[in-house]
Amino acid sequence: MGSTDKKVSIETAAQTTCAIDRVERALGIIEGRWKLLILHHLLIRAPRRFSDLERAIPAVTQKMLIQQLRALEADGVVERTVYPEVPPHVEYALTPAGLALEPALNALHDWAAGPYFRPE
């Protein structure tokens, strides 16, 4: 193997490592049982109030929904807007980074609708 071949091989390995790191970082942001459902519901209609999300995802506990929304907000995927009213009015919407997930979520939807799954 010549020096040019080694250089190309090292560059390819570095690109692969970089790609894997990006995928791991992205998966770390959306991992969790409820995050993809939250993102899905915010893509369908946003902004949404906390109570709207609770009704849309009835199996999630209030504590878990709060934790998942806070994590998505901390990662810059969801924005939380508080309106100074009585009673308090809080809405959640996707940031540009969250909206950029739409093609991936659509692909996941299409994959799940494909021939790989039996109807329930």
PDB file of N, CA and C in Angstrom:
ATOM      1  N   MET A   1       0.841  -1.164   0.000  1.00  0.00           N
ATOM      2  CA  MET A   1       0.000   0.000   0.000  1.00  0.00           C
ATOM      3  C   MET A   1       0.891   1.234   0.000  1.00  0.00           C
ATOM      4  N   GLY A   2       0.700   2.136  -0.957  1.00  0.00           N
ATOM      5  CA  GLY A   2       1.519   3.333  -1.062  1.00  0.00           C
ATOM      6  C   GLY A   2       1.070   4.384  -0.065  1.00  0.00           C
ATOM      7  N   SER A   3       1.846   5.460   0.045  1.00  0.00           N
ATOM      8  CA  SER A   3       1.523   6.520   1.003  1.00  0.00           C
ATOM      9  C   SER A   3       0.218   7.221   0.637  1.00  0.00           C
ATOM     10  N   THR A   4      -0.082   7.323  -0.662  1.00  0.00           N
ATOM     11  CA  THR A   4      -1.338   7.931  -1.088  1.00  0.00           C
ATOM     12  C   THR A   4      -2.509   7.075  -0.645  1.00  0.00           C
ATOM     13  N   ASP A   5      -2.380   5.757  -0.771  1.00  0.00           N
ATOM     14  CA  ASP A   5      -3.442   4.847  -0.337  1.00  0.00           C
ATOM     15  C   ASP A   5      -3.668   4.950   1.166  1.00  0.00           C
ATOM     16  N   LYS A   6      -2.580   5.058   1.944  1.00  0.00           N
ATOM     17  CA  LYS A   6      -2.710   5.193   3.398  1.00  0.00           C
ATOM     18  C   LYS A   6      -3.418   6.491   3.750  1.00  0.00           C
ATOM     19  N   LYS A   7      -3.078   7.580   3.045  1.00  0.00           N
ATOM     20  CA  LYS A   7      -3.693   8.874   3.313  1.00  0.00           C
ATOM     21  C   LYS A   7      -5.189   8.820   3.037  1.00  0.00           C
ATOM     22  N   VAL A   8      -5.568   8.228   1.925  1.00  0.00           N
ATOM     23  CA  VAL A   8      -6.991   8.093   1.576  1.00  0.00           C
ATOM     24  C   VAL A   8      -7.691   7.236   2.621  1.00  0.00           C
ATOM     25  N   SER A   9      -7.048   6.153   3.045  1.00  0.00           N
ATOM     26  CA  SER A   9      -7.631   5.267   4.046  1.00  0.00           C
ATOM     27  C   SER A   9      -7.833   5.992   5.379  1.00  0.00           C
ATOM     28  N   ILE A  10      -6.869   6.802   5.793  1.00  0.00           N
ATOM     29  CA  ILE A  10      -6.972   7.560   7.042  1.00  0.00           C
ATOM     30  C   ILE A  10      -8.085   8.597   6.930  1.00  0.00           C
ATOM     31  N   GLU A  11      -8.157   9.289   5.787  1.00  0.00           N
ATOM     32  CA  GLU A  11      -9.211  10.279   5.583  1.00  0.00           C
ATOM     33  C   GLU A  11     -10.583   9.620   5.597  1.00  0.00           C
ATOM     34  N   THR A  12     -10.721   8.466   4.963  1.00  0.00           N
ATOM     35  CA  THR A  12     -11.992   7.748   4.943  1.00  0.00           C
ATOM     36  C   THR A  12     -12.381   7.316   6.348  1.00  0.00           C
ATOM     37  N   ALA A  13     -11.430   6.826   7.120  1.00  0.00           N
ATOM     38  CA  ALA A  13     -11.694   6.429   8.501  1.00  0.00           C
ATOM     39  C   ALA A  13     -12.124   7.629   9.332  1.00  0.00           C
ATOM     40  N   ALA A  14     -11.498   8.764   9.132  1.00  0.00           N
ATOM     41  CA  ALA A  14     -11.850   9.976   9.875  1.00  0.00           C
ATOM     42  C   ALA A  14     -13.256  10.440   9.505  1.00  0.00           C
ATOM     43  N   GLN A  15     -13.603  10.361   8.217  1.00  0.00           N
ATOM     44  CA  GLN A  15     -14.942  10.745   7.783  1.00  0.00           C
ATOM     45  C   GLN A  15     -15.988   9.808   8.372  1.00  0.00           C
ATOM     46  N   THR A  16     -15.684   8.522   8.405  1.00  0.00           N
ATOM     47  CA  THR A  16     -16.605   7.543   8.971  1.00  0.00           C
ATOM     48  C   THR A  16     -16.796   7.801  10.461  1.00  0.00           C
ATOM     49  N   THR A  17     -15.717   8.058  11.169  1.00  0.00           N
ATOM     50  CA  THR A  17     -15.800   8.352  12.603  1.00  0.00           C
ATOM     51  C   THR A  17     -16.623   9.601  12.840  1.00  0.00           C
ATOM     52  N   CYS A  18     -16.424  10.615  12.033  1.00  0.00           N
ATOM     53  CA  CYS A  18     -17.174  11.859  12.148  1.00  0.00           C
ATOM     54  C   CYS A  18     -18.665  11.613  11.907  1.00  0.00           C
ATOM     55  N   ALA A  19     -18.985  10.810  10.895  1.00  0.00           N
ATOM     56  CA  ALA A  19     -20.381  10.487  10.588  1.00  0.00           C
ATOM     57  C   ALA A  19     -21.018   9.719  11.738  1.00  0.00           C
ATOM     58  N   ILE A  20     -20.292   8.782  12.296  1.00  0.00           N
ATOM     59  CA  ILE A  20     -20.813   8.003  13.425  1.00  0.00           C
ATOM     60  C   ILE A  20     -21.045   8.918  14.620  1.00  0.00           C
ATOM     61  N   ASP A  21     -20.128   9.836  14.873  1.00  0.00           N
ATOM     62  CA  ASP A  21     -20.288  10.773  15.983  1.00  0.00           C
ATOM     63  C   ASP A  21     -21.542  11.632  15.803  1.00  0.00           C
ATOM     64  N   ARG A  22     -21.781  12.082  14.571  1.00  0.00           N
ATOM     65  CA  ARG A  22     -22.976  12.900  14.307  1.00  0.00           C
ATOM     66  C   ARG A  22     -24.248  12.091  14.540  1.00  0.00           C
ATOM     67  N   VAL A  23     -24.262  10.847  14.083  1.00  0.00           N
ATOM     68  CA  VAL A  23     -25.441   9.997  14.272  1.00  0.00           C
ATOM     69  C   VAL A  23     -25.665   9.738  15.762  1.00  0.00           C
ATOM     70  N   GLU A  24     -24.593   9.446  16.489  1.00  0.00           N
ATOM     71  CA  GLU A  24     -24.723   9.211  17.931  1.00  0.00           C
ATOM     72  C   GLU A  24     -25.245  10.457  18.642  1.00  0.00           C
ATOM     73  N   ARG A  25     -24.764  11.630  18.258  1.00  0.00           N
ATOM     74  CA  ARG A  25     -25.231  12.870  18.866  1.00  0.00           C
ATOM     75  C   ARG A  25     -26.710  13.096  18.556  1.00  0.00           C
ATOM     76  N   ALA A  26     -27.103  12.864  17.316  1.00  0.00           N
ATOM     77  CA  ALA A  26     -28.510  13.033  16.929  1.00  0.00           C
ATOM     78  C   ALA A  26     -29.408  12.047  17.672  1.00  0.00           C
ATOM     79  N   LEU A  27     -28.977  10.788  17.742  1.00  0.00           N
ATOM     80  CA  LEU A  27     -29.774   9.792  18.454  1.00  0.00           C
ATOM     81  C   LEU A  27     -29.865  10.110  19.936  1.00  0.00           C
ATOM     82  N   GLY A  28     -28.810  10.671  20.500  1.00  0.00           N
ATOM     83  CA  GLY A  28     -28.844  11.066  21.905  1.00  0.00           C
ATOM     84  C   GLY A  28     -29.890  12.130  22.172  1.00  0.00           C
ATOM     85  N   ILE A  29     -30.120  12.996  21.204  1.00  0.00           N
ATOM     86  CA  ILE A  29     -31.121  14.057  21.362  1.00  0.00           C
ATOM     87  C   ILE A  29     -32.535  13.493  21.294  1.00  0.00           C
ATOM     88  N   ILE A  30     -32.783  12.543  20.405  1.00  0.00           N
ATOM     89  CA  ILE A  30     -34.148  12.046  20.218  1.00  0.00           C
ATOM     90  C   ILE A  30     -34.423  10.733  20.939  1.00  0.00           C
ATOM     91  N   GLU A  31     -33.408  10.190  21.659  1.00  0.00           N
ATOM     92  CA  GLU A  31     -33.651   8.927  22.339  1.00  0.00           C
ATOM     93  C   GLU A  31     -34.599   9.135  23.514  1.00  0.00           C
ATOM     94  N   GLY A  32     -35.289   8.105  23.832  1.00  0.00           N
ATOM     95  CA  GLY A  32     -36.272   8.158  24.903  1.00  0.00           C
ATOM     96  C   GLY A  32     -37.602   7.694  24.353  1.00  0.00           C
ATOM     97  N   ARG A  33     -38.375   7.138  25.226  1.00  0.00           N
ATOM     98  CA  ARG A  33     -39.632   6.528  24.788  1.00  0.00           C
ATOM     99  C   ARG A  33     -40.620   7.529  24.196  1.00  0.00           C
ATOM    100  N   TRP A  34     -40.598   8.772  24.669  1.00  0.00           N
ATOM    101  CA  TRP A  34     -41.661   9.710  24.297  1.00  0.00           C
ATOM    102  C   TRP A  34     -41.221  10.828  23.364  1.00  0.00           C
ATOM    103  N   LYS A  35     -39.945  11.044  23.195  1.00  0.00           N
ATOM    104  CA  LYS A  35     -39.495  12.207  22.441  1.00  0.00           C
ATOM    105  C   LYS A  35     -39.977  12.214  20.992  1.00  0.00           C
ATOM    106  N   LEU A  36     -39.905  11.081  20.325  1.00  0.00           N
ATOM    107  CA  LEU A  36     -40.355  11.055  18.926  1.00  0.00           C
ATOM    108  C   LEU A  36     -41.854  11.328  18.819  1.00  0.00           C
ATOM    109  N   LEU A  37     -42.632  10.840  19.770  1.00  0.00           N
ATOM    110  CA  LEU A  37     -44.072  11.132  19.753  1.00  0.00           C
ATOM    111  C   LEU A  37     -44.330  12.613  20.008  1.00  0.00           C
ATOM    112  N   ILE A  38     -43.597  13.191  20.927  1.00  0.00           N
ATOM    113  CA  ILE A  38     -43.737  14.623  21.193  1.00  0.00           C
ATOM    114  C   ILE A  38     -43.399  15.416  19.932  1.00  0.00           C
ATOM    115  N   LEU A  39     -42.285  15.084  19.304  1.00  0.00           N
ATOM    116  CA  LEU A  39     -41.884  15.772  18.071  1.00  0.00           C
ATOM    117  C   LEU A  39     -42.930  15.597  16.981  1.00  0.00           C
ATOM    118  N   HIS A  40     -43.456  14.385  16.864  1.00  0.00           N
ATOM    119  CA  HIS A  40     -44.497  14.100  15.868  1.00  0.00           C
ATOM    120  C   HIS A  40     -45.713  15.003  16.094  1.00  0.00           C
ATOM    121  N   HIS A  41     -46.164  15.096  17.326  1.00  0.00           N
ATOM    122  CA  HIS A  41     -47.348  15.913  17.610  1.00  0.00           C
ATOM    123  C   HIS A  41     -47.074  17.400  17.403  1.00  0.00           C
ATOM    124  N   LEU A  42     -45.854  17.840  17.675  1.00  0.00           N
ATOM    125  CA  LEU A  42     -45.523  19.242  17.430  1.00  0.00           C
ATOM    126  C   LEU A  42     -45.351  19.531  15.939  1.00  0.00           C
ATOM    127  N   LEU A  43     -45.020  18.517  15.156  1.00  0.00           N
ATOM    128  CA  LEU A  43     -44.972  18.701  13.699  1.00  0.00           C
ATOM    129  C   LEU A  43     -46.371  18.789  13.117  1.00  0.00           C
ATOM    130  N   ILE A  44     -47.286  18.005  13.677  1.00  0.00           N
ATOM    131  CA  ILE A  44     -48.658  18.015  13.174  1.00  0.00           C
ATOM    132  C   ILE A  44     -49.314  19.366  13.420  1.00  0.00           C
ATOM    133  N   ARG A  45     -49.138  19.861  14.649  1.00  0.00           N
ATOM    134  CA  ARG A  45     -49.754  21.147  14.998  1.00  0.00           C
ATOM    135  C   ARG A  45     -48.931  21.796  16.090  1.00  0.00           C
ATOM    136  N   ALA A  46     -48.504  22.995  15.838  1.00  0.00           N
ATOM    137  CA  ALA A  46     -47.759  23.756  16.840  1.00  0.00           C
ATOM    138  C   ALA A  46     -48.164  25.211  16.706  1.00  0.00           C
ATOM    139  N   PRO A  47     -48.119  25.969  17.736  1.00  0.00           N
ATOM    140  CA  PRO A  47     -47.694  25.562  19.070  1.00  0.00           C
ATOM    141  C   PRO A  47     -48.774  24.736  19.764  1.00  0.00           C
ATOM    142  N   ARG A  48     -48.330  24.047  20.798  1.00  0.00           N
ATOM    143  CA  ARG A  48     -49.242  23.233  21.606  1.00  0.00           C
ATOM    144  C   ARG A  48     -49.030  23.526  23.076  1.00  0.00           C
ATOM    145  N   ARG A  49     -50.119  23.538  23.792  1.00  0.00           N
ATOM    146  CA  ARG A  49     -50.038  23.687  25.240  1.00  0.00           C
ATOM    147  C   ARG A  49     -49.680  22.343  25.849  1.00  0.00           C
ATOM    148  N   PHE A  50     -49.181  22.396  27.070  1.00  0.00           N
ATOM    149  CA  PHE A  50     -48.799  21.177  27.781  1.00  0.00           C
ATOM    150  C   PHE A  50     -49.985  20.223  27.868  1.00  0.00           C
ATOM    151  N   SER A  51     -51.159  20.748  28.210  1.00  0.00           N
ATOM    152  CA  SER A  51     -52.343  19.888  28.352  1.00  0.00           C
ATOM    153  C   SER A  51     -52.735  19.240  27.019  1.00  0.00           C
ATOM    154  N   ASP A  52     -52.490  19.932  25.914  1.00  0.00           N
ATOM    155  CA  ASP A  52     -52.755  19.341  24.591  1.00  0.00           C
ATOM    156  C   ASP A  52     -51.862  18.130  24.362  1.00  0.00           C
ATOM    157  N   LEU A  53     -50.594  18.274  24.729  1.00  0.00           N
ATOM    158  CA  LEU A  53     -49.660  17.157  24.568  1.00  0.00           C
ATOM    159  C   LEU A  53     -50.025  16.000  25.497  1.00  0.00           C
ATOM    160  N   GLU A  54     -50.474  16.305  26.706  1.00  0.00           N
ATOM    161  CA  GLU A  54     -50.917  15.247  27.631  1.00  0.00           C
ATOM    162  C   GLU A  54     -52.067  14.451  27.026  1.00  0.00           C
ATOM    163  N   ARG A  55     -53.016  15.161  26.434  1.00  0.00           N
ATOM    164  CA  ARG A  55     -54.168  14.473  25.816  1.00  0.00           C
ATOM    165  C   ARG A  55     -53.753  13.693  24.571  1.00  0.00           C
ATOM    166  N   ALA A  56     -52.811  14.234  23.824  1.00  0.00           N
ATOM    167  CA  ALA A  56     -52.367  13.581  22.583  1.00  0.00           C
ATOM    168  C   ALA A  56     -51.577  12.307  22.866  1.00  0.00           C
ATOM    169  N   ILE A  57     -50.900  12.263  24.024  1.00  0.00           N
ATOM    170  CA  ILE A  57     -50.073  11.105  24.391  1.00  0.00           C
ATOM    171  C   ILE A  57     -50.535  10.622  25.776  1.00  0.00           C
ATOM    172  N   PRO A  58     -51.682   9.984  25.847  1.00  0.00           N
ATOM    173  CA  PRO A  58     -52.264   9.655  27.155  1.00  0.00           C
ATOM    174  C   PRO A  58     -51.444   8.678  28.001  1.00  0.00           C
ATOM    175  N   ALA A  59     -50.591   7.890  27.405  1.00  0.00           N
ATOM    176  CA  ALA A  59     -49.824   6.901  28.174  1.00  0.00           C
ATOM    177  C   ALA A  59     -48.633   7.520  28.915  1.00  0.00           C
ATOM    178  N   VAL A  60     -48.242   8.727  28.566  1.00  0.00           N
ATOM    179  CA  VAL A  60     -47.098   9.358  29.221  1.00  0.00           C
ATOM    180  C   VAL A  60     -47.552  10.016  30.523  1.00  0.00           C
ATOM    181  N   THR A  61     -46.715   9.885  31.556  1.00  0.00           N
ATOM    182  CA  THR A  61     -47.033  10.554  32.812  1.00  0.00           C
ATOM    183  C   THR A  61     -46.672  12.023  32.702  1.00  0.00           C
ATOM    184  N   GLN A  62     -47.287  12.822  33.555  1.00  0.00           N
ATOM    185  CA  GLN A  62     -47.013  14.256  33.553  1.00  0.00           C
ATOM    186  C   GLN A  62     -45.530  14.520  33.835  1.00  0.00           C
ATOM    187  N   LYS A  63     -44.977  13.794  34.797  1.00  0.00           N
ATOM    188  CA  LYS A  63     -43.565  13.959  35.159  1.00  0.00           C
ATOM    189  C   LYS A  63     -42.657  13.642  33.968  1.00  0.00           C
ATOM    190  N   MET A  64     -42.936  12.552  33.277  1.00  0.00           N
ATOM    191  CA  MET A  64     -42.103  12.150  32.143  1.00  0.00           C
ATOM    192  C   MET A  64     -42.241  13.140  30.992  1.00  0.00           C
ATOM    193  N   LEU A  65     -43.449  13.628  30.736  1.00  0.00           N
ATOM    194  CA  LEU A  65     -43.661  14.598  29.668  1.00  0.00           C
ATOM    195  C   LEU A  65     -42.860  15.871  29.961  1.00  0.00           C
ATOM    196  N   ILE A  66     -42.892  16.316  31.211  1.00  0.00           N
ATOM    197  CA  ILE A  66     -42.119  17.498  31.598  1.00  0.00           C
ATOM    198  C   ILE A  66     -40.629  17.251  31.375  1.00  0.00           C
ATOM    199  N   GLN A  67     -40.137  16.091  31.811  1.00  0.00           N
ATOM    200  CA  GLN A  67     -38.714  15.775  31.654  1.00  0.00           C
ATOM    201  C   GLN A  67     -38.306  15.738  30.186  1.00  0.00           C
ATOM    202  N   GLN A  68     -39.128  15.104  29.363  1.00  0.00           N
ATOM    203  CA  GLN A  68     -38.788  14.978  27.952  1.00  0.00           C
ATOM    204  C   GLN A  68     -38.834  16.335  27.248  1.00  0.00           C
ATOM    205  N   LEU A  69     -39.817  17.160  27.578  1.00  0.00           N
ATOM    206  CA  LEU A  69     -39.898  18.496  26.988  1.00  0.00           C
ATOM    207  C   LEU A  69     -38.702  19.348  27.413  1.00  0.00           C
ATOM    208  N   ARG A  70     -38.320  19.260  28.679  1.00  0.00           N
ATOM    209  CA  ARG A  70     -37.154  20.024  29.155  1.00  0.00           C
ATOM    210  C   ARG A  70     -35.881  19.582  28.442  1.00  0.00           C
ATOM    211  N   ALA A  71     -35.732  18.278  28.243  1.00  0.00           N
ATOM    212  CA  ALA A  71     -34.545  17.769  27.551  1.00  0.00           C
ATOM    213  C   ALA A  71     -34.527  18.244  26.098  1.00  0.00           C
ATOM    214  N   LEU A  72     -35.670  18.182  25.428  1.00  0.00           N
ATOM    215  CA  LEU A  72     -35.747  18.651  24.039  1.00  0.00           C
ATOM    216  C   LEU A  72     -35.476  20.155  23.959  1.00  0.00           C
ATOM    217  N   GLU A  73     -35.953  20.878  24.953  1.00  0.00           N
ATOM    218  CA  GLU A  73     -35.688  22.321  24.995  1.00  0.00           C
ATOM    219  C   GLU A  73     -34.202  22.583  25.219  1.00  0.00           C
ATOM    220  N   ALA A  74     -33.586  21.853  26.135  1.00  0.00           N
ATOM    221  CA  ALA A  74     -32.157  22.023  26.419  1.00  0.00           C
ATOM    222  C   ALA A  74     -31.300  21.704  25.196  1.00  0.00           C
ATOM    223  N   ASP A  75     -31.776  20.765  24.364  1.00  0.00           N
ATOM    224  CA  ASP A  75     -31.032  20.392  23.150  1.00  0.00           C
ATOM    225  C   ASP A  75     -31.347  21.305  21.972  1.00  0.00           C
ATOM    226  N   GLY A  76     -32.218  22.295  22.182  1.00  0.00           N
ATOM    227  CA  GLY A  76     -32.505  23.264  21.130  1.00  0.00           C
ATOM    228  C   GLY A  76     -33.463  22.781  20.060  1.00  0.00           C
ATOM    229  N   VAL A  77     -34.252  21.761  20.377  1.00  0.00           N
ATOM    230  CA  VAL A  77     -35.180  21.194  19.396  1.00  0.00           C
ATOM    231  C   VAL A  77     -36.593  21.734  19.605  1.00  0.00           C
ATOM    232  N   VAL A  78     -36.922  22.052  20.846  1.00  0.00           N
ATOM    233  CA  VAL A  78     -38.243  22.567  21.203  1.00  0.00           C
ATOM    234  C   VAL A  78     -38.056  23.890  21.928  1.00  0.00           C
ATOM    235  N   GLU A  79     -38.967  24.829  21.662  1.00  0.00           N
ATOM    236  CA  GLU A  79     -38.944  26.084  22.400  1.00  0.00           C
ATOM    237  C   GLU A  79     -40.201  26.192  23.245  1.00  0.00           C
ATOM    238  N   ARG A  80     -40.023  26.761  24.408  1.00  0.00           N
ATOM    239  CA  ARG A  80     -41.101  26.917  25.377  1.00  0.00           C
ATOM    240  C   ARG A  80     -41.373  28.405  25.512  1.00  0.00           C
ATOM    241  N   THR A  81     -42.618  28.796  25.309  1.00  0.00           N
ATOM    242  CA  THR A  81     -43.006  30.196  25.436  1.00  0.00           C
ATOM    243  C   THR A  81     -43.991  30.317  26.591  1.00  0.00           C
ATOM    244  N   VAL A  82     -43.661  31.188  27.537  1.00  0.00           N
ATOM    245  CA  VAL A  82     -44.515  31.415  28.699  1.00  0.00           C
ATOM    246  C   VAL A  82     -45.200  32.759  28.527  1.00  0.00           C
ATOM    247  N   TYR A  83     -46.525  32.754  28.624  1.00  0.00           N
ATOM    248  CA  TYR A  83     -47.300  33.981  28.534  1.00  0.00           C
ATOM    249  C   TYR A  83     -47.685  34.401  29.947  1.00  0.00           C
ATOM    250  N   PRO A  84     -47.403  35.647  30.321  1.00  0.00           N
ATOM    251  CA  PRO A  84     -47.686  36.098  31.688  1.00  0.00           C
ATOM    252  C   PRO A  84     -49.179  36.354  31.887  1.00  0.00           C
ATOM    253  N   GLU A  85     -49.893  35.294  32.119  1.00  0.00           N
ATOM    254  CA  GLU A  85     -51.336  35.360  32.326  1.00  0.00           C
ATOM    255  C   GLU A  85     -51.680  34.585  33.583  1.00  0.00           C
ATOM    256  N   VAL A  86     -52.909  34.775  34.046  1.00  0.00           N
ATOM    257  CA  VAL A  86     -53.429  33.957  35.131  1.00  0.00           C
ATOM    258  C   VAL A  86     -54.669  33.275  34.592  1.00  0.00           C
ATOM    259  N   PRO A  87     -54.707  31.936  34.561  1.00  0.00           N
ATOM    260  CA  PRO A  87     -53.646  31.006  34.939  1.00  0.00           C
ATOM    261  C   PRO A  87     -52.514  31.039  33.906  1.00  0.00           C
ATOM    262  N   PRO A  88     -51.344  30.513  34.293  1.00  0.00           N
ATOM    263  CA  PRO A  88     -50.188  30.541  33.385  1.00  0.00           C
ATOM    264  C   PRO A  88     -50.490  29.832  32.065  1.00  0.00           C
ATOM    265  N   HIS A  89     -49.975  30.374  31.014  1.00  0.00           N
ATOM    266  CA  HIS A  89     -50.187  29.833  29.667  1.00  0.00           C
ATOM    267  C   HIS A  89     -48.795  29.561  29.087  1.00  0.00           C
ATOM    268  N   VAL A  90     -48.517  28.275  28.835  1.00  0.00           N
ATOM    269  CA  VAL A  90     -47.223  27.868  28.288  1.00  0.00           C
ATOM    270  C   VAL A  90     -47.477  27.099  26.996  1.00  0.00           C
ATOM    271  N   GLU A  91     -46.727  27.442  25.971  1.00  0.00           N
ATOM    272  CA  GLU A  91     -46.840  26.742  24.693  1.00  0.00           C
ATOM    273  C   GLU A  91     -45.484  26.193  24.275  1.00  0.00           C
ATOM    274  N   TYR A  92     -45.539  25.075  23.552  1.00  0.00           N
ATOM    275  CA  TYR A  92     -44.336  24.428  23.024  1.00  0.00           C
ATOM    276  C   TYR A  92     -44.428  24.389  21.505  1.00  0.00           C
ATOM    277  N   ALA A  93     -43.297  24.634  20.871  1.00  0.00           N
ATOM    278  CA  ALA A  93     -43.215  24.569  19.412  1.00  0.00           C
ATOM    279  C   ALA A  93     -41.813  24.095  19.043  1.00  0.00           C
ATOM    280  N   LEU A  94     -41.676  23.676  17.810  1.00  0.00           N
ATOM    281  CA  LEU A  94     -40.369  23.238  17.326  1.00  0.00           C
ATOM    282  C   LEU A  94     -39.530  24.441  16.912  1.00  0.00           C
ATOM    283  N   THR A  95     -38.261  24.359  17.187  1.00  0.00           N
ATOM    284  CA  THR A  95     -37.303  25.355  16.713  1.00  0.00           C
ATOM    285  C   THR A  95     -36.946  24.991  15.271  1.00  0.00           C
ATOM    286  N   PRO A  96     -36.165  25.816  14.593  1.00  0.00           N
ATOM    287  CA  PRO A  96     -35.707  25.413  13.260  1.00  0.00           C
ATOM    288  C   PRO A  96     -34.993  24.056  13.270  1.00  0.00           C
ATOM    289  N   ALA A  97     -34.233  23.780  14.332  1.00  0.00           N
ATOM    290  CA  ALA A  97     -33.561  22.467  14.430  1.00  0.00           C
ATOM    291  C   ALA A  97     -34.599  21.351  14.553  1.00  0.00           C
ATOM    292  N   GLY A  98     -35.667  21.590  15.283  1.00  0.00           N
ATOM    293  CA  GLY A  98     -36.730  20.598  15.409  1.00  0.00           C
ATOM    294  C   GLY A  98     -37.477  20.401  14.103  1.00  0.00           C
ATOM    295  N   LEU A  99     -37.740  21.493  13.414  1.00  0.00           N
ATOM    296  CA  LEU A  99     -38.429  21.400  12.116  1.00  0.00           C
ATOM    297  C   LEU A  99     -37.580  20.643  11.098  1.00  0.00           C
ATOM    298  N   ALA A 100     -36.267  20.736  11.238  1.00  0.00           N
ATOM    299  CA  ALA A 100     -35.375  20.026  10.318  1.00  0.00           C
ATOM    300  C   ALA A 100     -35.477  18.510  10.469  1.00  0.00           C
ATOM    301  N   LEU A 101     -36.089  18.040  11.547  1.00  0.00           N
ATOM    302  CA  LEU A 101     -36.291  16.598  11.751  1.00  0.00           C
ATOM    303  C   LEU A 101     -37.465  16.045  10.934  1.00  0.00           C
ATOM    304  N   GLU A 102     -38.248  16.921  10.322  1.00  0.00           N
ATOM    305  CA  GLU A 102     -39.437  16.471   9.595  1.00  0.00           C
ATOM    306  C   GLU A 102     -39.142  15.404   8.537  1.00  0.00           C
ATOM    307  N   PRO A 103     -38.129  15.561   7.676  1.00  0.00           N
ATOM    308  CA  PRO A 103     -37.867  14.501   6.692  1.00  0.00           C
ATOM    309  C   PRO A 103     -37.538  13.162   7.348  1.00  0.00           C
ATOM    310  N   ALA A 104     -36.799  13.192   8.438  1.00  0.00           N
ATOM    311  CA  ALA A 104     -36.457  11.940   9.127  1.00  0.00           C
ATOM    312  C   ALA A 104     -37.700  11.299   9.733  1.00  0.00           C
ATOM    313  N   LEU A 105     -38.564  12.110  10.327  1.00  0.00           N
ATOM    314  CA  LEU A 105     -39.800  11.564  10.905  1.00  0.00           C
ATOM    315  C   LEU A 105     -40.737  11.056   9.817  1.00  0.00           C
ATOM    316  N   ASN A 106     -40.783  11.748   8.691  1.00  0.00           N
ATOM    317  CA  ASN A 106     -41.600  11.267   7.567  1.00  0.00           C
ATOM    318  C   ASN A 106     -41.070   9.937   7.040  1.00  0.00           C
ATOM    319  N   ALA A 107     -39.749   9.814   6.956  1.00  0.00           N
ATOM    320  CA  ALA A 107     -39.146   8.555   6.510  1.00  0.00           C
ATOM    321  C   ALA A 107     -39.458   7.430   7.493  1.00  0.00           C
ATOM    322  N   LEU A 108     -39.422   7.721   8.774  1.00  0.00           N
ATOM    323  CA  LEU A 108     -39.754   6.720   9.789  1.00  0.00           C
ATOM    324  C   LEU A 108     -41.219   6.304   9.658  1.00  0.00           C
ATOM    325  N   HIS A 109     -42.083   7.270   9.417  1.00  0.00           N
ATOM    326  CA  HIS A 109     -43.507   6.977   9.204  1.00  0.00           C
ATOM    327  C   HIS A 109     -43.698   6.073   7.992  1.00  0.00           C
ATOM    328  N   ASP A 110     -43.048   6.410   6.897  1.00  0.00           N
ATOM    329  CA  ASP A 110     -43.163   5.610   5.673  1.00  0.00           C
ATOM    330  C   ASP A 110     -42.625   4.193   5.889  1.00  0.00           C
ATOM    331  N   TRP A 111     -41.521   4.087   6.613  1.00  0.00           N
ATOM    332  CA  TRP A 111     -40.940   2.785   6.898  1.00  0.00           C
ATOM    333  C   TRP A 111     -41.913   1.944   7.721  1.00  0.00           C
ATOM    334  N   ALA A 112     -42.533   2.563   8.735  1.00  0.00           N
ATOM    335  CA  ALA A 112     -43.475   1.829   9.589  1.00  0.00           C
ATOM    336  C   ALA A 112     -44.752   1.455   8.838  1.00  0.00           C
ATOM    337  N   ALA A 113     -45.090   2.207   7.807  1.00  0.00           N
ATOM    338  CA  ALA A 113     -46.287   1.913   7.018  1.00  0.00           C
ATOM    339  C   ALA A 113     -46.011   0.885   5.926  1.00  0.00           C
ATOM    340  N   GLY A 114     -44.747   0.490   5.775  1.00  0.00           N
ATOM    341  CA  GLY A 114     -44.354  -0.429   4.711  1.00  0.00           C
ATOM    342  C   GLY A 114     -44.691  -1.863   5.017  1.00  0.00           C
ATOM    343  N   PRO A 115     -44.192  -2.765   4.225  1.00  0.00           N
ATOM    344  CA  PRO A 115     -44.529  -4.184   4.332  1.00  0.00           C
ATOM    345  C   PRO A 115     -43.836  -4.913   5.480  1.00  0.00           C
ATOM    346  N   TYR A 116     -43.057  -4.188   6.285  1.00  0.00           N
ATOM    347  CA  TYR A 116     -42.272  -4.838   7.329  1.00  0.00           C
ATOM    348  C   TYR A 116     -43.077  -5.111   8.592  1.00  0.00           C
ATOM    349  N   PHE A 117     -44.223  -4.497   8.711  1.00  0.00           N
ATOM    350  CA  PHE A 117     -45.027  -4.621   9.924  1.00  0.00           C
ATOM    351  C   PHE A 117     -46.383  -5.210   9.607  1.00  0.00           C
ATOM    352  N   ARG A 118     -46.830  -6.078  10.484  1.00  0.00           N
ATOM    353  CA  ARG A 118     -48.179  -6.632  10.352  1.00  0.00           C
ATOM    354  C   ARG A 118     -49.177  -5.652  10.975  1.00  0.00           C
ATOM    355  N   PRO A 119     -50.351  -5.525  10.411  1.00  0.00           N
ATOM    356  CA  PRO A 119     -51.364  -4.666  11.037  1.00  0.00           C
ATOM    357  C   PRO A 119     -51.699  -5.176  12.426  1.00  0.00           C
ATOM    358  N   GLU A 120     -51.928  -4.248  13.333  1.00  0.00           N
ATOM    359  CA  GLU A 120     -52.265  -4.639  14.697  1.00  0.00           C
ATOM    360  C   GLU A 120     -53.744  -4.857  14.854  1.00  0.00           C
TER     361      GLU A 120
END
